[in-house]
Amino acid sequence: MTSRERILTALSHKETDIVPFAWGFGINYPAKKALAEYMNKDMTELGKILGTFSDICEVVPKYIGPDDRNKRFPDGSYVDKWGVTRSPVQNAIFC
């Protein structure tokens, strides 16, 4: 099945060949950054690689709101569309 067929079949409550999957549902920023370092890739390259394994893609329209919103910072924090600054956190360390 193609990704599109898989998603439409799942939304119709029918059985798919495999469970529809998207990386965005489970990999947080610190884990993604660690994976990029392990694979010796930058975050953009890693996103392209992970996107090939995902059945669900994100569609984001161009932002046209205030200029002080949707800013990203090198530490992974960002200001969202509501003006709230958000920072990545690591909840647990697994060995």
PDB file of N, CA and C in Angstrom:
ATOM      1  N   MET A   1       0.836  -1.183   0.000  1.00  0.00           N
ATOM      2  CA  MET A   1       0.000   0.000   0.000  1.00  0.00           C
ATOM      3  C   MET A   1       0.884   1.251   0.000  1.00  0.00           C
ATOM      4  N   THR A   2       0.398   2.288  -0.617  1.00  0.00           N
ATOM      5  CA  THR A   2       1.094   3.569  -0.532  1.00  0.00           C
ATOM      6  C   THR A   2       0.704   4.219   0.797  1.00  0.00           C
ATOM      7  N   SER A   3       1.443   5.238   1.194  1.00  0.00           N
ATOM      8  CA  SER A   3       1.110   5.947   2.438  1.00  0.00           C
ATOM      9  C   SER A   3      -0.310   6.488   2.389  1.00  0.00           C
ATOM     10  N   ARG A   4      -0.671   7.061   1.259  1.00  0.00           N
ATOM     11  CA  ARG A   4      -2.030   7.618   1.111  1.00  0.00           C
ATOM     12  C   ARG A   4      -3.088   6.530   1.262  1.00  0.00           C
ATOM     13  N   GLU A   5      -2.891   5.412   0.589  1.00  0.00           N
ATOM     14  CA  GLU A   5      -3.849   4.303   0.677  1.00  0.00           C
ATOM     15  C   GLU A   5      -3.939   3.790   2.110  1.00  0.00           C
ATOM     16  N   ARG A   6      -2.778   3.713   2.789  1.00  0.00           N
ATOM     17  CA  ARG A   6      -2.734   3.210   4.163  1.00  0.00           C
ATOM     18  C   ARG A   6      -3.536   4.121   5.089  1.00  0.00           C
ATOM     19  N   ILE A   7      -3.352   5.430   4.963  1.00  0.00           N
ATOM     20  CA  ILE A   7      -4.064   6.379   5.819  1.00  0.00           C
ATOM     21  C   ILE A   7      -5.562   6.340   5.537  1.00  0.00           C
ATOM     22  N   LEU A   8      -5.950   6.372   4.261  1.00  0.00           N
ATOM     23  CA  LEU A   8      -7.375   6.353   3.918  1.00  0.00           C
ATOM     24  C   LEU A   8      -8.040   5.055   4.373  1.00  0.00           C
ATOM     25  N   THR A   9      -7.334   3.939   4.252  1.00  0.00           N
ATOM     26  CA  THR A   9      -7.871   2.656   4.707  1.00  0.00           C
ATOM     27  C   THR A   9      -8.056   2.660   6.216  1.00  0.00           C
ATOM     28  N   ALA A  10      -7.056   3.164   6.936  1.00  0.00           N
ATOM     29  CA  ALA A  10      -7.157   3.228   8.399  1.00  0.00           C
ATOM     30  C   ALA A  10      -8.295   4.153   8.827  1.00  0.00           C
ATOM     31  N   LEU A  11      -8.450   5.277   8.140  1.00  0.00           N
ATOM     32  CA  LEU A  11      -9.542   6.191   8.478  1.00  0.00           C
ATOM     33  C   LEU A  11     -10.913   5.598   8.185  1.00  0.00           C
ATOM     34  N   SER A  12     -10.952   4.594   7.303  1.00  0.00           N
ATOM     35  CA  SER A  12     -12.201   3.890   6.997  1.00  0.00           C
ATOM     36  C   SER A  12     -12.421   2.719   7.949  1.00  0.00           C
ATOM     37  N   HIS A  13     -11.556   2.605   8.967  1.00  0.00           N
ATOM     38  CA  HIS A  13     -11.638   1.538   9.975  1.00  0.00           C
ATOM     39  C   HIS A  13     -11.477   0.150   9.352  1.00  0.00           C
ATOM     40  N   LYS A  14     -10.622   0.066   8.339  1.00  0.00           N
ATOM     41  CA  LYS A  14     -10.313  -1.214   7.710  1.00  0.00           C
ATOM     42  C   LYS A  14      -8.863  -1.565   7.995  1.00  0.00           C
ATOM     43  N   GLU A  15      -8.531  -2.837   7.836  1.00  0.00           N
ATOM     44  CA  GLU A  15      -7.182  -3.313   8.135  1.00  0.00           C
ATOM     45  C   GLU A  15      -6.195  -2.866   7.057  1.00  0.00           C
ATOM     46  N   THR A  16      -5.022  -2.413   7.510  1.00  0.00           N
ATOM     47  CA  THR A  16      -3.955  -2.001   6.597  1.00  0.00           C
ATOM     48  C   THR A  16      -2.848  -3.045   6.601  1.00  0.00           C
ATOM     49  N   ASP A  17      -1.918  -2.929   5.639  1.00  0.00           N
ATOM     50  CA  ASP A  17      -0.804  -3.870   5.588  1.00  0.00           C
ATOM     51  C   ASP A  17       0.115  -3.710   6.800  1.00  0.00           C
ATOM     52  N   ILE A  18       0.356  -2.474   7.207  1.00  0.00           N
ATOM     53  CA  ILE A  18       1.073  -2.174   8.448  1.00  0.00           C
ATOM     54  C   ILE A  18       0.377  -0.980   9.097  1.00  0.00           C
ATOM     55  N   VAL A  19       0.670  -0.730  10.359  1.00  0.00           N
ATOM     56  CA  VAL A  19       0.056   0.390  11.070  1.00  0.00           C
ATOM     57  C   VAL A  19       0.614   1.702  10.512  1.00  0.00           C
ATOM     58  N   PRO A  20      -0.250   2.669  10.168  1.00  0.00           N
ATOM     59  CA  PRO A  20       0.249   3.963   9.714  1.00  0.00           C
ATOM     60  C   PRO A  20       1.165   4.572  10.768  1.00  0.00           C
ATOM     61  N   PHE A  21       2.232   5.222  10.318  1.00  0.00           N
ATOM     62  CA  PHE A  21       3.276   5.666  11.229  1.00  0.00           C
ATOM     63  C   PHE A  21       3.735   7.069  10.873  1.00  0.00           C
ATOM     64  N   ALA A  22       4.083   7.849  11.891  1.00  0.00           N
ATOM     65  CA  ALA A  22       4.700   9.157  11.690  1.00  0.00           C
ATOM     66  C   ALA A  22       5.692   9.409  12.821  1.00  0.00           C
ATOM     67  N   TRP A  23       6.891   9.836  12.484  1.00  0.00           N
ATOM     68  CA  TRP A  23       7.923  10.127  13.488  1.00  0.00           C
ATOM     69  C   TRP A  23       7.495  11.240  14.423  1.00  0.00           C
ATOM     70  N   GLY A  24       6.696  12.163  13.943  1.00  0.00           N
ATOM     71  CA  GLY A  24       6.293  13.298  14.766  1.00  0.00           C
ATOM     72  C   GLY A  24       5.491  12.914  15.987  1.00  0.00           C
ATOM     73  N   PHE A  25       4.981  11.705  16.043  1.00  0.00           N
ATOM     74  CA  PHE A  25       4.170  11.283  17.181  1.00  0.00           C
ATOM     75  C   PHE A  25       4.997  10.787  18.352  1.00  0.00           C
ATOM     76  N   GLY A  26       6.310  10.605  18.177  1.00  0.00           N
ATOM     77  CA  GLY A  26       7.022   9.991  19.284  1.00  0.00           C
ATOM     78  C   GLY A  26       8.443  10.431  19.525  1.00  0.00           C
ATOM     79  N   ILE A  27       9.065  11.145  18.606  1.00  0.00           N
ATOM     80  CA  ILE A  27      10.459  11.502  18.814  1.00  0.00           C
ATOM     81  C   ILE A  27      10.546  12.974  19.211  1.00  0.00           C
ATOM     82  N   ASN A  28      11.068  13.239  20.412  1.00  0.00           N
ATOM     83  CA  ASN A  28      11.162  14.615  20.883  1.00  0.00           C
ATOM     84  C   ASN A  28      12.467  15.248  20.401  1.00  0.00           C
ATOM     85  N   TYR A  29      12.592  16.554  20.613  1.00  0.00           N
ATOM     86  CA  TYR A  29      13.747  17.285  20.079  1.00  0.00           C
ATOM     87  C   TYR A  29      15.089  16.746  20.587  1.00  0.00           C
ATOM     88  N   PRO A  30      15.270  16.512  21.911  1.00  0.00           N
ATOM     89  CA  PRO A  30      16.569  15.993  22.361  1.00  0.00           C
ATOM     90  C   PRO A  30      16.914  14.634  21.736  1.00  0.00           C
ATOM     91  N   ALA A  31      15.919  13.772  21.580  1.00  0.00           N
ATOM     92  CA  ALA A  31      16.176  12.464  20.971  1.00  0.00           C
ATOM     93  C   ALA A  31      16.518  12.615  19.491  1.00  0.00           C
ATOM     94  N   LYS A  32      15.810  13.511  18.808  1.00  0.00           N
ATOM     95  CA  LYS A  32      16.080  13.749  17.390  1.00  0.00           C
ATOM     96  C   LYS A  32      17.479  14.336  17.203  1.00  0.00           C
ATOM     97  N   LYS A  33      17.862  15.256  18.091  1.00  0.00           N
ATOM     98  CA  LYS A  33      19.194  15.861  18.020  1.00  0.00           C
ATOM     99  C   LYS A  33      20.275  14.809  18.259  1.00  0.00           C
ATOM    100  N   ALA A  34      20.068  13.933  19.235  1.00  0.00           N
ATOM    101  CA  ALA A  34      21.029  12.869  19.506  1.00  0.00           C
ATOM    102  C   ALA A  34      21.140  11.913  18.326  1.00  0.00           C
ATOM    103  N   LEU A  35      20.005  11.597  17.694  1.00  0.00           N
ATOM    104  CA  LEU A  35      20.025  10.721  16.523  1.00  0.00           C
ATOM    105  C   LEU A  35      20.776  11.377  15.369  1.00  0.00           C
ATOM    106  N   ALA A  36      20.564  12.683  15.175  1.00  0.00           N
ATOM    107  CA  ALA A  36      21.275  13.405  14.114  1.00  0.00           C
ATOM    108  C   ALA A  36      22.777  13.369  14.355  1.00  0.00           C
ATOM    109  N   GLU A  37      23.197  13.574  15.602  1.00  0.00           N
ATOM    110  CA  GLU A  37      24.627  13.520  15.934  1.00  0.00           C
ATOM    111  C   GLU A  37      25.180  12.117  15.714  1.00  0.00           C
ATOM    112  N   TYR A  38      24.430  11.102  16.131  1.00  0.00           N
ATOM    113  CA  TYR A  38      24.869   9.714  15.954  1.00  0.00           C
ATOM    114  C   TYR A  38      25.033   9.368  14.475  1.00  0.00           C
ATOM    115  N   MET A  39      24.113   9.864  13.650  1.00  0.00           N
ATOM    116  CA  MET A  39      24.158   9.578  12.212  1.00  0.00           C
ATOM    117  C   MET A  39      25.052  10.556  11.448  1.00  0.00           C
ATOM    118  N   ASN A  40      25.643  11.535  12.175  1.00  0.00           N
ATOM    119  CA  ASN A  40      26.517  12.545  11.571  1.00  0.00           C
ATOM    120  C   ASN A  40      25.770  13.334  10.488  1.00  0.00           C
ATOM    121  N   LYS A  41      24.531  13.736  10.793  1.00  0.00           N
ATOM    122  CA  LYS A  41      23.682  14.505   9.881  1.00  0.00           C
ATOM    123  C   LYS A  41      23.224  15.770  10.588  1.00  0.00           C
ATOM    124  N   ASP A  42      22.864  16.799   9.825  1.00  0.00           N
ATOM    125  CA  ASP A  42      22.246  17.955  10.475  1.00  0.00           C
ATOM    126  C   ASP A  42      20.739  17.682  10.565  1.00  0.00           C
ATOM    127  N   MET A  43      20.034  18.545  11.289  1.00  0.00           N
ATOM    128  CA  MET A  43      18.613  18.302  11.550  1.00  0.00           C
ATOM    129  C   MET A  43      17.778  18.290  10.267  1.00  0.00           C
ATOM    130  N   THR A  44      18.144  19.106   9.282  1.00  0.00           N
ATOM    131  CA  THR A  44      17.403  19.128   8.015  1.00  0.00           C
ATOM    132  C   THR A  44      17.564  17.815   7.269  1.00  0.00           C
ATOM    133  N   GLU A  45      18.804  17.329   7.200  1.00  0.00           N
ATOM    134  CA  GLU A  45      19.056  16.045   6.532  1.00  0.00           C
ATOM    135  C   GLU A  45      18.322  14.922   7.238  1.00  0.00           C
ATOM    136  N   LEU A  46      18.370  14.922   8.570  1.00  0.00           N
ATOM    137  CA  LEU A  46      17.692  13.885   9.342  1.00  0.00           C
ATOM    138  C   LEU A  46      16.191  13.925   9.092  1.00  0.00           C
ATOM    139  N   GLY A  47      15.616  15.126   9.031  1.00  0.00           N
ATOM    140  CA  GLY A  47      14.184  15.260   8.752  1.00  0.00           C
ATOM    141  C   GLY A  47      13.797  14.649   7.426  1.00  0.00           C
ATOM    142  N   LYS A  48      14.637  14.856   6.414  1.00  0.00           N
ATOM    143  CA  LYS A  48      14.367  14.269   5.099  1.00  0.00           C
ATOM    144  C   LYS A  48      14.447  12.751   5.150  1.00  0.00           C
ATOM    145  N   ILE A  49      15.438  12.232   5.869  1.00  0.00           N
ATOM    146  CA  ILE A  49      15.589  10.773   5.984  1.00  0.00           C
ATOM    147  C   ILE A  49      14.396  10.176   6.721  1.00  0.00           C
ATOM    148  N   LEU A  50      14.036  10.761   7.865  1.00  0.00           N
ATOM    149  CA  LEU A  50      12.916  10.232   8.653  1.00  0.00           C
ATOM    150  C   LEU A  50      11.600  10.362   7.904  1.00  0.00           C
ATOM    151  N   GLY A  51      11.484  11.402   7.078  1.00  0.00           N
ATOM    152  CA  GLY A  51      10.258  11.598   6.310  1.00  0.00           C
ATOM    153  C   GLY A  51       9.973  10.476   5.332  1.00  0.00           C
ATOM    154  N   THR A  52      11.007   9.777   4.893  1.00  0.00           N
ATOM    155  CA  THR A  52      10.799   8.669   3.949  1.00  0.00           C
ATOM    156  C   THR A  52      10.141   7.468   4.626  1.00  0.00           C
ATOM    157  N   PHE A  53      10.174   7.437   5.963  1.00  0.00           N
ATOM    158  CA  PHE A  53       9.574   6.318   6.694  1.00  0.00           C
ATOM    159  C   PHE A  53       8.199   6.655   7.258  1.00  0.00           C
ATOM    160  N   SER A  54       7.736   7.861   7.009  1.00  0.00           N
ATOM    161  CA  SER A  54       6.507   8.334   7.621  1.00  0.00           C
ATOM    162  C   SER A  54       5.338   8.276   6.640  1.00  0.00           C
ATOM    163  N   ASP A  55       4.187   7.836   7.116  1.00  0.00           N
ATOM    164  CA  ASP A  55       2.981   7.797   6.292  1.00  0.00           C
ATOM    165  C   ASP A  55       2.216   9.114   6.343  1.00  0.00           C
ATOM    166  N   ILE A  56       2.492   9.924   7.342  1.00  0.00           N
ATOM    167  CA  ILE A  56       1.743  11.152   7.538  1.00  0.00           C
ATOM    168  C   ILE A  56       2.689  12.330   7.353  1.00  0.00           C
ATOM    169  N   CYS A  57       2.302  13.286   6.526  1.00  0.00           N
ATOM    170  CA  CYS A  57       3.137  14.466   6.324  1.00  0.00           C
ATOM    171  C   CYS A  57       2.451  15.682   6.916  1.00  0.00           C
ATOM    172  N   GLU A  58       3.249  16.650   7.292  1.00  0.00           N
ATOM    173  CA  GLU A  58       2.735  17.873   7.887  1.00  0.00           C
ATOM    174  C   GLU A  58       2.573  18.924   6.803  1.00  0.00           C
ATOM    175  N   VAL A  59       1.417  19.536   6.767  1.00  0.00           N
ATOM    176  CA  VAL A  59       1.150  20.616   5.816  1.00  0.00           C
ATOM    177  C   VAL A  59       1.016  21.890   6.631  1.00  0.00           C
ATOM    178  N   VAL A  60       1.908  22.833   6.401  1.00  0.00           N
ATOM    179  CA  VAL A  60       1.929  24.061   7.189  1.00  0.00           C
ATOM    180  C   VAL A  60       1.814  25.265   6.269  1.00  0.00           C
ATOM    181  N   PRO A  61       0.747  26.050   6.399  1.00  0.00           N
ATOM    182  CA  PRO A  61       0.639  27.259   5.568  1.00  0.00           C
ATOM    183  C   PRO A  61       1.651  28.305   6.019  1.00  0.00           C
ATOM    184  N   LYS A  62       1.965  29.248   5.147  1.00  0.00           N
ATOM    185  CA  LYS A  62       2.892  30.313   5.467  1.00  0.00           C
ATOM    186  C   LYS A  62       2.311  31.163   6.594  1.00  0.00           C
ATOM    187  N   TYR A  63       3.136  31.489   7.580  1.00  0.00           N
ATOM    188  CA  TYR A  63       2.710  32.312   8.711  1.00  0.00           C
ATOM    189  C   TYR A  63       2.641  33.769   8.285  1.00  0.00           C
ATOM    190  N   ILE A  64       1.535  34.438   8.600  1.00  0.00           N
ATOM    191  CA  ILE A  64       1.385  35.845   8.213  1.00  0.00           C
ATOM    192  C   ILE A  64       1.042  36.723   9.415  1.00  0.00           C
ATOM    193  N   GLY A  65       1.327  36.252  10.616  1.00  0.00           N
ATOM    194  CA  GLY A  65       1.010  37.009  11.826  1.00  0.00           C
ATOM    195  C   GLY A  65       2.121  37.964  12.223  1.00  0.00           C
ATOM    196  N   PRO A  66       2.130  38.397  13.505  1.00  0.00           N
ATOM    197  CA  PRO A  66       3.142  39.337  13.993  1.00  0.00           C
ATOM    198  C   PRO A  66       4.571  38.809  13.789  1.00  0.00           C
ATOM    199  N   ASP A  67       5.511  39.744  13.553  1.00  0.00           N
ATOM    200  CA  ASP A  67       6.907  39.371  13.283  1.00  0.00           C
ATOM    201  C   ASP A  67       7.631  38.765  14.478  1.00  0.00           C
ATOM    202  N   ASP A  68       7.160  39.026  15.701  1.00  0.00           N
ATOM    203  CA  ASP A  68       7.862  38.515  16.878  1.00  0.00           C
ATOM    204  C   ASP A  68       7.454  37.081  17.227  1.00  0.00           C
ATOM    205  N   ARG A  69       6.715  36.428  16.362  1.00  0.00           N
ATOM    206  CA  ARG A  69       6.245  35.057  16.613  1.00  0.00           C
ATOM    207  C   ARG A  69       6.977  34.073  15.702  1.00  0.00           C
ATOM    208  N   ASN A  70       6.869  32.790  16.036  1.00  0.00           N
ATOM    209  CA  ASN A  70       7.446  31.698  15.242  1.00  0.00           C
ATOM    210  C   ASN A  70       8.942  31.852  15.034  1.00  0.00           C
ATOM    211  N   LYS A  71       9.657  32.289  16.062  1.00  0.00           N
ATOM    212  CA  LYS A  71      11.116  32.378  16.004  1.00  0.00           C
ATOM    213  C   LYS A  71      11.699  31.125  16.631  1.00  0.00           C
ATOM    214  N   ARG A  72      12.748  30.609  16.023  1.00  0.00           N
ATOM    215  CA  ARG A  72      13.458  29.440  16.559  1.00  0.00           C
ATOM    216  C   ARG A  72      14.849  29.863  16.988  1.00  0.00           C
ATOM    217  N   PHE A  73      15.327  29.261  18.071  1.00  0.00           N
ATOM    218  CA  PHE A  73      16.625  29.598  18.629  1.00  0.00           C
ATOM    219  C   PHE A  73      17.546  28.383  18.590  1.00  0.00           C
ATOM    220  N   PRO A  74      18.877  28.590  18.602  1.00  0.00           N
ATOM    221  CA  PRO A  74      19.835  27.482  18.480  1.00  0.00           C
ATOM    222  C   PRO A  74      19.694  26.388  19.545  1.00  0.00           C
ATOM    223  N   ASP A  75      19.196  26.742  20.736  1.00  0.00           N
ATOM    224  CA  ASP A  75      19.054  25.732  21.796  1.00  0.00           C
ATOM    225  C   ASP A  75      17.805  24.874  21.633  1.00  0.00           C
ATOM    226  N   GLY A  76      17.037  25.096  20.546  1.00  0.00           N
ATOM    227  CA  GLY A  76      15.834  24.312  20.294  1.00  0.00           C
ATOM    228  C   GLY A  76      14.565  24.974  20.797  1.00  0.00           C
ATOM    229  N   SER A  77      14.703  26.051  21.565  1.00  0.00           N
ATOM    230  CA  SER A  77      13.505  26.748  22.040  1.00  0.00           C
ATOM    231  C   SER A  77      12.927  27.583  20.903  1.00  0.00           C
ATOM    232  N   TYR A  78      11.678  27.986  21.072  1.00  0.00           N
ATOM    233  CA  TYR A  78      11.022  28.782  20.039  1.00  0.00           C
ATOM    234  C   TYR A  78       9.870  29.581  20.647  1.00  0.00           C
ATOM    235  N   VAL A  79       9.473  30.619  19.953  1.00  0.00           N
ATOM    236  CA  VAL A  79       8.298  31.403  20.332  1.00  0.00           C
ATOM    237  C   VAL A  79       7.171  30.954  19.414  1.00  0.00           C
ATOM    238  N   ASP A  80       6.072  30.444  19.999  1.00  0.00           N
ATOM    239  CA  ASP A  80       4.973  29.919  19.177  1.00  0.00           C
ATOM    240  C   ASP A  80       4.088  31.050  18.643  1.00  0.00           C
ATOM    241  N   LYS A  81       3.050  30.689  17.909  1.00  0.00           N
ATOM    242  CA  LYS A  81       2.185  31.693  17.284  1.00  0.00           C
ATOM    243  C   LYS A  81       1.403  32.523  18.292  1.00  0.00           C
ATOM    244  N   TRP A  82       1.352  32.075  19.542  1.00  0.00           N
ATOM    245  CA  TRP A  82       0.638  32.810  20.581  1.00  0.00           C
ATOM    246  C   TRP A  82       1.579  33.724  21.362  1.00  0.00           C
ATOM    247  N   GLY A  83       2.885  33.690  21.037  1.00  0.00           N
ATOM    248  CA  GLY A  83       3.859  34.518  21.744  1.00  0.00           C
ATOM    249  C   GLY A  83       4.454  33.848  22.964  1.00  0.00           C
ATOM    250  N   VAL A  84       4.196  32.547  23.147  1.00  0.00           N
ATOM    251  CA  VAL A  84       4.714  31.802  24.284  1.00  0.00           C
ATOM    252  C   VAL A  84       6.054  31.181  23.910  1.00  0.00           C
ATOM    253  N   THR A  85       7.086  31.395  24.744  1.00  0.00           N
ATOM    254  CA  THR A  85       8.393  30.788  24.503  1.00  0.00           C
ATOM    255  C   THR A  85       8.371  29.361  25.048  1.00  0.00           C
ATOM    256  N   ARG A  86       8.729  28.425  24.224  1.00  0.00           N
ATOM    257  CA  ARG A  86       8.739  27.011  24.599  1.00  0.00           C
ATOM    258  C   ARG A  86      10.161  26.478  24.495  1.00  0.00           C
ATOM    259  N   SER A  87      10.535  25.611  25.426  1.00  0.00           N
ATOM    260  CA  SER A  87      11.878  25.045  25.445  1.00  0.00           C
ATOM    261  C   SER A  87      11.796  23.534  25.487  1.00  0.00           C
ATOM    262  N   PRO A  88      12.710  22.848  24.780  1.00  0.00           N
ATOM    263  CA  PRO A  88      12.709  21.387  24.840  1.00  0.00           C
ATOM    264  C   PRO A  88      13.187  20.908  26.213  1.00  0.00           C
ATOM    265  N   VAL A  89      12.578  19.850  26.692  1.00  0.00           N
ATOM    266  CA  VAL A  89      12.989  19.254  27.962  1.00  0.00           C
ATOM    267  C   VAL A  89      13.183  17.766  27.758  1.00  0.00           C
ATOM    268  N   GLN A  90      14.048  17.200  28.548  1.00  0.00           N
ATOM    269  CA  GLN A  90      14.267  15.761  28.519  1.00  0.00           C
ATOM    270  C   GLN A  90      13.678  15.206  29.797  1.00  0.00           C
ATOM    271  N   ASN A  91      12.714  14.316  29.667  1.00  0.00           N
ATOM    272  CA  ASN A  91      11.993  13.812  30.826  1.00  0.00           C
ATOM    273  C   ASN A  91      12.695  12.666  31.531  1.00  0.00           C
ATOM    274  N   ALA A  92      13.467  11.883  30.804  1.00  0.00           N
ATOM    275  CA  ALA A  92      14.133  10.733  31.414  1.00  0.00           C
ATOM    276  C   ALA A  92      15.361  10.380  30.603  1.00  0.00           C
ATOM    277  N   ILE A  93      16.291   9.719  31.252  1.00  0.00           N
ATOM    278  CA  ILE A  93      17.488   9.242  30.558  1.00  0.00           C
ATOM    279  C   ILE A  93      17.432   7.724  30.586  1.00  0.00           C
ATOM    280  N   PHE A  94      17.487   7.126  29.401  1.00  0.00           N
ATOM    281  CA  PHE A  94      17.448   5.679  29.298  1.00  0.00           C
ATOM    282  C   PHE A  94      18.831   5.177  28.932  1.00  0.00           C
ATOM    283  N   CYS A  95      19.289   4.176  29.639  1.00  0.00           N
ATOM    284  CA  CYS A  95      20.617   3.616  29.360  1.00  0.00           C
ATOM    285  C   CYS A  95      20.521   2.371  28.516  1.00  0.00           C
TER     286      CYS A  95
END
